[in-house]
């Protein structure tokens, strides 16, 4: 699978760890930055670029997901969710990682680098990547309603 990853300074070390581990597992990983540590960096551009790449791959029918990391993961999730078609979910345990995919068909996962040990984050990411969307009608219907609002501004 193709994985697009972005972070801020707080998640840089974790990002490098995940890139190595996911590459070893056979994933094609693209790093959207930052390239070096800067405690004053601005994560929105990195996360938005990763999210745009996920959407571009989806449109090209390439299987892809995104990972955005930060101190808490909140801001990074918000930035990614500004891209039309992105469903970024903040996860903090295995259940939230799996449910993000099962119920919401999330295509980007956000994790707080300061909230978890590296090994735990790897387990969360692996659970997110491996969990399929359930395809249940009720979940598909809800996702469609969100997409409709995103595209038209109308609540259905």
Protein backbone atom coordinates (compact mmCIF):
# COMPACT_ATOMS: atom_id res chain seq x y z
CA UNK A 1 0.00 0.00 0.00
CA UNK A 2 1.09 3.58 -0.59
CA UNK A 3 1.37 5.60 2.62
CA UNK A 4 1.68 9.40 2.77
CA UNK A 5 3.11 10.70 6.03
CA UNK A 6 3.53 14.20 7.46
CA UNK A 7 4.32 15.62 10.85
CA UNK A 8 5.43 18.63 12.82
CA UNK A 9 8.60 18.94 14.87
CA UNK A 10 7.07 16.98 17.77
CA UNK A 11 6.52 13.93 15.59
CA UNK A 12 9.68 14.06 13.46
CA UNK A 13 11.55 11.26 15.23
CA UNK A 14 8.40 9.11 15.29
CA UNK A 15 7.83 9.82 11.60
CA UNK A 16 11.33 8.57 10.73
CA UNK A 17 10.73 5.44 12.83
CA UNK A 18 7.40 4.73 11.11
CA UNK A 19 8.83 5.31 7.64
CA UNK A 20 11.50 2.70 8.35
CA UNK A 21 9.10 0.16 9.86
CA UNK A 22 6.39 0.55 7.21
CA UNK A 23 8.95 0.36 4.40
CA UNK A 24 10.28 -2.90 5.91
CA UNK A 25 6.70 -4.22 5.80
CA UNK A 26 6.58 -3.56 2.06
CA UNK A 27 4.63 -0.31 2.00
CA UNK A 28 5.60 2.48 -0.38
CA UNK A 29 6.02 5.45 1.97
CA UNK A 30 6.17 9.09 0.89
CA UNK A 31 7.43 11.66 3.40
CA UNK A 32 5.71 15.04 3.03
CA UNK A 33 7.86 16.73 5.64
CA UNK A 34 9.35 18.31 7.41
CA UNK A 35 12.84 17.28 6.33
CA UNK A 36 14.61 18.57 9.43
CA UNK A 37 13.83 19.58 13.00
CA UNK A 38 12.53 23.12 13.43
CA UNK A 39 10.66 23.84 16.68
CA UNK A 40 8.87 26.72 14.93
CA UNK A 41 7.70 24.77 11.88
CA UNK A 42 4.15 25.11 10.63
CA UNK A 43 2.57 21.69 10.16
CA UNK A 44 -0.52 22.64 8.08
CA UNK A 45 1.31 22.63 4.73
CA UNK A 46 2.94 19.25 5.44
CA UNK A 47 -0.36 17.65 6.47
CA UNK A 48 -2.37 19.22 3.67
CA UNK A 49 0.19 18.03 1.11
CA UNK A 50 0.00 14.49 2.48
CA UNK A 51 -3.81 14.61 2.36
CA UNK A 52 -3.77 15.95 -1.21
CA UNK A 53 -1.51 13.07 -2.20
CA UNK A 54 -3.95 10.55 -0.67
CA UNK A 55 -6.80 12.06 -2.70
CA UNK A 56 -4.70 12.12 -5.88
CA UNK A 57 -3.90 8.43 -5.39
CA UNK A 58 -7.55 7.59 -4.69
CA UNK A 59 -8.55 9.37 -7.91
CA UNK A 60 -5.89 7.39 -9.79
CA UNK A 61 -7.28 4.20 -8.18
CA UNK A 62 -4.05 3.64 -6.24
CA UNK A 63 -4.59 2.15 -2.78
CA UNK A 64 -3.29 4.77 -0.35
CA UNK A 65 -3.71 6.04 3.19
CA UNK A 66 -2.22 8.94 5.12
CA UNK A 67 -0.60 9.39 8.51
CA UNK A 68 -0.31 12.78 10.22
CA UNK A 69 1.59 13.20 13.47
CA UNK A 70 1.99 15.99 15.98
CA UNK A 71 2.34 16.52 19.69
CA UNK A 72 -1.35 15.73 20.21
CA UNK A 73 -2.36 15.03 16.60
CA UNK A 74 -5.30 17.41 16.87
CA UNK A 75 -4.05 20.25 14.69
CA UNK A 76 -2.69 17.83 12.12
CA UNK A 77 -6.05 16.07 11.92
CA UNK A 78 -7.83 19.39 11.48
CA UNK A 79 -5.45 20.44 8.69
CA UNK A 80 -5.83 17.14 6.83
CA UNK A 81 -9.62 17.31 7.13
CA UNK A 82 -9.67 20.61 5.24
CA UNK A 83 -8.88 18.67 2.04
CA UNK A 84 -12.05 17.66 0.20
CA UNK A 85 -12.55 13.92 0.44
CA UNK A 86 -10.30 13.37 3.44
CA UNK A 87 -11.70 11.63 6.47
CA UNK A 88 -8.92 11.99 9.06
CA UNK A 89 -9.44 10.34 12.43
CA UNK A 90 -7.50 10.96 15.63
CA UNK A 91 -6.76 7.60 17.22
CA UNK A 92 -5.49 6.82 20.71
CA UNK A 93 -6.06 3.09 21.14
CA UNK A 94 -6.61 -0.02 19.03
CA UNK A 95 -10.40 0.29 19.11
CA UNK A 96 -10.38 3.86 17.77
CA UNK A 97 -7.86 2.87 15.08
CA UNK A 98 -10.02 -0.03 13.90
CA UNK A 99 -13.34 1.82 14.17
CA UNK A 100 -11.97 4.75 12.16
CA UNK A 101 -11.63 2.36 9.23
CA UNK A 102 -14.61 0.04 9.91
CA UNK A 103 -17.24 2.73 10.45
CA UNK A 104 -15.83 5.90 8.88
CA UNK A 105 -13.65 4.55 6.08
CA UNK A 106 -11.03 7.03 7.32
CA UNK A 107 -8.27 7.56 4.79
CA UNK A 108 -5.91 9.46 7.11
CA UNK A 109 -4.94 8.58 10.66
CA UNK A 110 -3.76 11.21 13.16
CA UNK A 111 -1.71 10.28 16.21
CA UNK A 112 -0.22 12.33 19.04
CA UNK A 113 3.51 11.64 19.14
CA UNK A 114 3.76 12.95 22.70
CA UNK A 115 0.93 10.70 23.85
CA UNK A 116 2.35 7.25 23.00
CA UNK A 117 5.53 5.21 22.87
CA UNK A 118 6.86 4.38 19.39
CA UNK A 119 5.93 0.69 19.58
CA UNK A 120 2.36 1.58 20.56
CA UNK A 121 2.05 4.03 17.66
CA UNK A 122 3.28 1.36 15.26
CA UNK A 123 0.55 -1.00 16.55
CA UNK A 124 -2.09 1.72 16.09
CA UNK A 125 -0.91 2.42 12.54
CA UNK A 126 -0.78 -1.27 11.65
CA UNK A 127 -4.31 -1.76 12.98
CA UNK A 128 -5.55 1.23 10.99
CA UNK A 129 -3.87 0.08 7.77
CA UNK A 130 -5.04 -3.52 8.02
CA UNK A 131 -8.66 -2.85 9.02
CA UNK A 132 -11.10 -2.70 6.09
CA UNK A 133 -14.19 -0.54 5.81
CA UNK A 134 -17.19 -2.65 6.85
CA UNK A 135 -19.29 -1.48 3.91
CA UNK A 136 -22.38 -1.55 6.13
CA UNK A 137 -25.18 0.49 4.57
CA UNK A 138 -25.62 2.71 7.64
CA UNK A 139 -21.94 3.69 7.64
CA UNK A 140 -21.85 4.26 3.87
CA UNK A 141 -24.99 6.40 4.16
CA UNK A 142 -23.46 8.56 6.89
CA UNK A 143 -20.20 9.03 4.98
CA UNK A 144 -22.22 10.05 1.92
CA UNK A 145 -24.10 12.65 3.99
CA UNK A 146 -20.83 14.13 5.23
CA UNK A 147 -19.43 14.22 1.67
CA UNK A 148 -22.63 15.85 0.44
CA UNK A 149 -22.28 18.64 2.98
CA UNK A 150 -18.58 19.00 2.17
CA UNK A 151 -19.38 19.40 -1.54
CA UNK A 152 -22.64 21.39 -1.44
CA UNK A 153 -22.94 22.98 2.00
CA UNK A 154 -26.34 21.32 2.34
CA UNK A 155 -27.27 19.14 5.30
CA UNK A 156 -29.18 16.05 4.27
